[in-house]
């Protein structure tokens, strides 16, 4: 076979020559280099890089094949290597984002379409029953009622603003499903965010807290290397995430309404909220946007709390967070998170 003469090599992206070869190959495929890639491999014909791909978490990214070698088995060779690398890392449930035009190629290699934003992006996974298994697990916690609501939040960390939103939804609903974004890319680790949310809401009896899992996509994990126009990235990410929610997650729990905090400061979150208002009603779900909670005209936000932490103003945090969050921050474990946030600030 033609590709038997090709060689596969790990690419060290800190080596200028190799990095430039990857950048050139991506550019020829109208792609850019994603950030935070964990490993990259290349397929070479002699000294020429003819295919490259990377891994990050449980995703395969920045996959490109030289146009001259497309249809020759190079993509198959590259994907086999990337999947093998993930298996060695004991990551078996894999996801790939691709252009709709490349969907068939990935289907041929055992990937299954989850959702698509028409003409822009397709999200695929290598387990044919991945989504079904996730939904089966959710359905066990389904509550029947005339108004079942949900809240999706990161809680980095859990503040009185988050608590206010959950309490508001709980007062106005028979039951509220609260999803915590579980990708571990925040200052506060997922386990800490989950525990602070559980402690801070234990007085509310009509809520269920869920792990967001792989199907609630955070802005931090959404790849943008195949979207040319930067202004489109937030809208496409939001549309993909909300179509998955509207098509699968909401119906599995019988959700009627999603509560979300009003966002007067962050344009990205505000755009996400606007896309939510366009998409979820298409799936029969309402969106209830709640004004932010304030203290003496000072709006509560997790970013403000992190800003106080970065400056060492721990006492100023007290009015902005539940007692459980404050107690954590003054604990030995909390000091480690505070130190990490302050070290990041020093580097910038």
Foldseek 3Di string as FASTA:
>chain_A
DVLVQKDKDWADCVDVVSVVLLQVQLVVVQFHDWPPFDTKMFIDDVPHTAWMWTDDDQEIDSTGGHPVCPPVCPSVVRVVVVCVVCVVVVRNKHKYKDFPVCVVVVVVVQWAWLDDDPRGITMTINDPCPLVVVLVVVLVVADDDPAEEEEEEAPLPPWVQNVVQVVVSLVVGQAYEYEHAQDQPHLDHNVRRVVQVCVSCVVRDRYHYDYNPDLQDDLVRDTDGNPNDPVCSLLRNLLSSLCSCLVGVCVSRVHAEYEEEQDPDDPSVNSSLVSNCVPNVVSNHYYHYHYADADPPHGADSVVCLVCLLVVVLVVCVVTHPPSVSVCCPDPNNVVSSVVSNVVVVVD
